[in-house]
Amino acid sequence: CHAVDTKLVGPAYKEVAAKYRTDKAAEDRLVQKVMKGGGGVWGQIPMPANPQVSAAEARTLVKWVLSLK
């Protein structure tokens, strides 16, 4: 659903990083969004939940996404 540089179904990871770059609380919110899903921030298509992803795995992924420039 995501790619590093290109919008697919969801936004490019670099777009996500740019949007949340100055938001100190973004990491915790995005970890929850990876695990529980969400919608309405990037358009009409919701992001599905990923219950198979642990909190530690989600945090690793989110930290990586937020580190992109």
N, C-alpha and C. Protein backbone atom coordinates (compact mmCIF):
# COMPACT_ATOMS: atom_id res chain seq x y z
N CYS A 1 0.81 -1.21 0.00
CA CYS A 1 0.00 0.00 0.00
C CYS A 1 0.85 1.28 0.00
N HIS A 2 2.10 1.17 0.45
CA HIS A 2 2.99 2.32 0.52
C HIS A 2 4.29 2.02 -0.22
N ALA A 3 4.92 3.05 -0.69
CA ALA A 3 6.26 2.96 -1.26
C ALA A 3 7.07 4.11 -0.67
N VAL A 4 8.37 4.05 -0.79
CA VAL A 4 9.21 5.09 -0.20
C VAL A 4 8.98 6.44 -0.86
N ASP A 5 9.02 6.48 -2.19
CA ASP A 5 8.98 7.75 -2.93
C ASP A 5 7.70 8.03 -3.69
N THR A 6 6.82 7.04 -3.80
CA THR A 6 5.67 7.16 -4.69
C THR A 6 4.38 6.85 -3.96
N LYS A 7 3.36 7.65 -4.21
CA LYS A 7 2.03 7.34 -3.67
C LYS A 7 1.48 6.13 -4.39
N LEU A 8 1.03 5.16 -3.63
CA LEU A 8 0.35 4.00 -4.19
C LEU A 8 -1.11 4.09 -3.73
N VAL A 9 -1.55 3.17 -2.91
CA VAL A 9 -2.87 3.29 -2.29
C VAL A 9 -2.79 4.35 -1.19
N GLY A 10 -1.74 4.28 -0.40
CA GLY A 10 -1.49 5.26 0.65
C GLY A 10 -0.36 6.18 0.25
N PRO A 11 -0.06 7.16 1.09
CA PRO A 11 0.98 8.12 0.76
C PRO A 11 2.37 7.49 0.75
N ALA A 12 3.29 8.12 0.04
CA ALA A 12 4.69 7.70 0.08
C ALA A 12 5.22 7.88 1.49
N TYR A 13 6.09 6.99 1.92
CA TYR A 13 6.66 7.12 3.26
C TYR A 13 7.35 8.47 3.45
N LYS A 14 7.97 8.99 2.41
CA LYS A 14 8.63 10.30 2.52
C LYS A 14 7.61 11.41 2.77
N GLU A 15 6.41 11.28 2.22
CA GLU A 15 5.35 12.26 2.49
C GLU A 15 4.93 12.20 3.96
N VAL A 16 4.84 10.99 4.48
CA VAL A 16 4.48 10.81 5.89
C VAL A 16 5.55 11.45 6.77
N ALA A 17 6.80 11.18 6.47
CA ALA A 17 7.90 11.76 7.25
C ALA A 17 7.85 13.28 7.23
N ALA A 18 7.61 13.86 6.06
CA ALA A 18 7.56 15.32 5.95
C ALA A 18 6.38 15.90 6.74
N LYS A 19 5.24 15.24 6.68
CA LYS A 19 4.05 15.74 7.38
C LYS A 19 4.25 15.77 8.90
N TYR A 20 4.93 14.77 9.42
CA TYR A 20 5.04 14.63 10.88
C TYR A 20 6.41 15.02 11.43
N ARG A 21 7.26 15.59 10.60
CA ARG A 21 8.64 15.91 11.00
C ARG A 21 8.73 16.72 12.30
N THR A 22 7.87 17.68 12.50
CA THR A 22 7.95 18.55 13.69
C THR A 22 6.98 18.15 14.79
N ASP A 23 6.24 17.10 14.60
CA ASP A 23 5.22 16.66 15.57
C ASP A 23 5.85 15.68 16.55
N LYS A 24 6.09 16.13 17.77
CA LYS A 24 6.76 15.31 18.78
C LYS A 24 5.93 14.10 19.20
N ALA A 25 4.61 14.17 19.08
CA ALA A 25 3.73 13.08 19.49
C ALA A 25 3.42 12.11 18.36
N ALA A 26 3.92 12.38 17.17
CA ALA A 26 3.57 11.58 16.00
C ALA A 26 3.99 10.12 16.13
N GLU A 27 5.15 9.86 16.68
CA GLU A 27 5.63 8.48 16.74
C GLU A 27 4.63 7.57 17.45
N ASP A 28 4.18 7.98 18.63
CA ASP A 28 3.23 7.16 19.38
C ASP A 28 1.91 6.99 18.63
N ARG A 29 1.41 8.06 18.03
CA ARG A 29 0.15 7.98 17.27
C ARG A 29 0.28 7.07 16.07
N LEU A 30 1.39 7.17 15.36
CA LEU A 30 1.58 6.36 14.17
C LEU A 30 1.79 4.88 14.51
N VAL A 31 2.41 4.59 15.63
CA VAL A 31 2.54 3.20 16.07
C VAL A 31 1.15 2.60 16.25
N GLN A 32 0.26 3.35 16.89
CA GLN A 32 -1.11 2.87 17.08
C GLN A 32 -1.83 2.71 15.75
N LYS A 33 -1.61 3.64 14.84
CA LYS A 33 -2.26 3.58 13.53
C LYS A 33 -1.79 2.36 12.74
N VAL A 34 -0.51 2.03 12.81
CA VAL A 34 0.00 0.84 12.13
C VAL A 34 -0.71 -0.40 12.66
N MET A 35 -0.85 -0.48 13.97
CA MET A 35 -1.43 -1.67 14.58
C MET A 35 -2.96 -1.71 14.45
N LYS A 36 -3.63 -0.58 14.64
CA LYS A 36 -5.10 -0.55 14.71
C LYS A 36 -5.78 -0.04 13.44
N GLY A 37 -5.01 0.53 12.53
CA GLY A 37 -5.58 1.10 11.32
C GLY A 37 -6.08 2.51 11.56
N GLY A 38 -6.63 3.12 10.55
CA GLY A 38 -7.14 4.48 10.67
C GLY A 38 -7.56 5.01 9.32
N GLY A 39 -8.02 6.24 9.32
CA GLY A 39 -8.45 6.83 8.06
C GLY A 39 -8.74 8.30 8.19
N GLY A 40 -8.94 8.91 7.03
CA GLY A 40 -9.33 10.31 6.98
C GLY A 40 -8.21 11.32 6.93
N VAL A 41 -6.99 10.91 7.18
CA VAL A 41 -5.86 11.84 7.18
C VAL A 41 -5.33 12.06 5.77
N TRP A 42 -5.28 10.99 4.98
CA TRP A 42 -4.68 11.04 3.64
C TRP A 42 -5.70 10.81 2.54
N GLY A 43 -6.96 10.83 2.86
CA GLY A 43 -7.98 10.62 1.85
C GLY A 43 -9.05 9.65 2.32
N GLN A 44 -9.84 9.18 1.39
CA GLN A 44 -11.00 8.35 1.71
C GLN A 44 -10.68 6.88 1.99
N ILE A 45 -9.58 6.38 1.48
CA ILE A 45 -9.27 4.96 1.66
C ILE A 45 -8.63 4.75 3.03
N PRO A 46 -9.28 3.96 3.90
CA PRO A 46 -8.72 3.74 5.24
C PRO A 46 -7.52 2.80 5.21
N MET A 47 -6.66 2.96 6.19
CA MET A 47 -5.54 2.04 6.36
C MET A 47 -6.04 0.90 7.23
N PRO A 48 -5.90 -0.34 6.77
CA PRO A 48 -6.37 -1.47 7.57
C PRO A 48 -5.49 -1.72 8.79
N ALA A 49 -6.07 -2.34 9.79
CA ALA A 49 -5.33 -2.71 10.98
C ALA A 49 -4.33 -3.81 10.64
N ASN A 50 -3.26 -3.87 11.40
CA ASN A 50 -2.23 -4.91 11.26
C ASN A 50 -2.02 -5.57 12.62
N PRO A 51 -3.00 -6.35 13.08
CA PRO A 51 -2.90 -6.93 14.43
C PRO A 51 -1.74 -7.91 14.61
N GLN A 52 -1.18 -8.41 13.51
CA GLN A 52 -0.05 -9.33 13.59
C GLN A 52 1.26 -8.61 13.89
N VAL A 53 1.26 -7.29 13.83
CA VAL A 53 2.46 -6.49 14.09
C VAL A 53 2.50 -6.12 15.57
N SER A 54 3.59 -6.44 16.24
CA SER A 54 3.73 -6.09 17.65
C SER A 54 4.03 -4.60 17.80
N ALA A 55 3.86 -4.10 19.00
CA ALA A 55 4.15 -2.69 19.26
C ALA A 55 5.62 -2.39 18.97
N ALA A 56 6.51 -3.30 19.32
CA ALA A 56 7.94 -3.08 19.08
C ALA A 56 8.24 -3.04 17.57
N GLU A 57 7.62 -3.94 16.81
CA GLU A 57 7.82 -3.94 15.37
C GLU A 57 7.25 -2.67 14.74
N ALA A 58 6.08 -2.25 15.19
CA ALA A 58 5.45 -1.03 14.66
C ALA A 58 6.33 0.18 14.98
N ARG A 59 6.88 0.23 16.18
CA ARG A 59 7.74 1.37 16.55
C ARG A 59 8.99 1.40 15.69
N THR A 60 9.59 0.26 15.41
CA THR A 60 10.76 0.20 14.54
C THR A 60 10.42 0.72 13.16
N LEU A 61 9.31 0.29 12.62
CA LEU A 61 8.87 0.74 11.30
C LEU A 61 8.61 2.25 11.30
N VAL A 62 7.89 2.75 12.29
CA VAL A 62 7.55 4.17 12.35
C VAL A 62 8.81 5.01 12.48
N LYS A 63 9.75 4.59 13.32
CA LYS A 63 11.01 5.34 13.46
C LYS A 63 11.73 5.42 12.12
N TRP A 64 11.73 4.32 11.38
CA TRP A 64 12.38 4.31 10.07
C TRP A 64 11.67 5.27 9.12
N VAL A 65 10.35 5.20 9.06
CA VAL A 65 9.59 6.09 8.17
C VAL A 65 9.86 7.54 8.51
N LEU A 66 9.82 7.87 9.80
CA LEU A 66 10.02 9.26 10.22
C LEU A 66 11.46 9.75 9.99
N SER A 67 12.38 8.82 9.79
CA SER A 67 13.77 9.22 9.55
C SER A 67 14.04 9.57 8.08
N LEU A 68 13.10 9.25 7.21
CA LEU A 68 13.30 9.50 5.77
C LEU A 68 13.29 10.98 5.46
N LYS A 69 14.08 11.37 4.46
CA LYS A 69 14.12 12.78 4.06
C LYS A 69 13.75 12.92 2.61
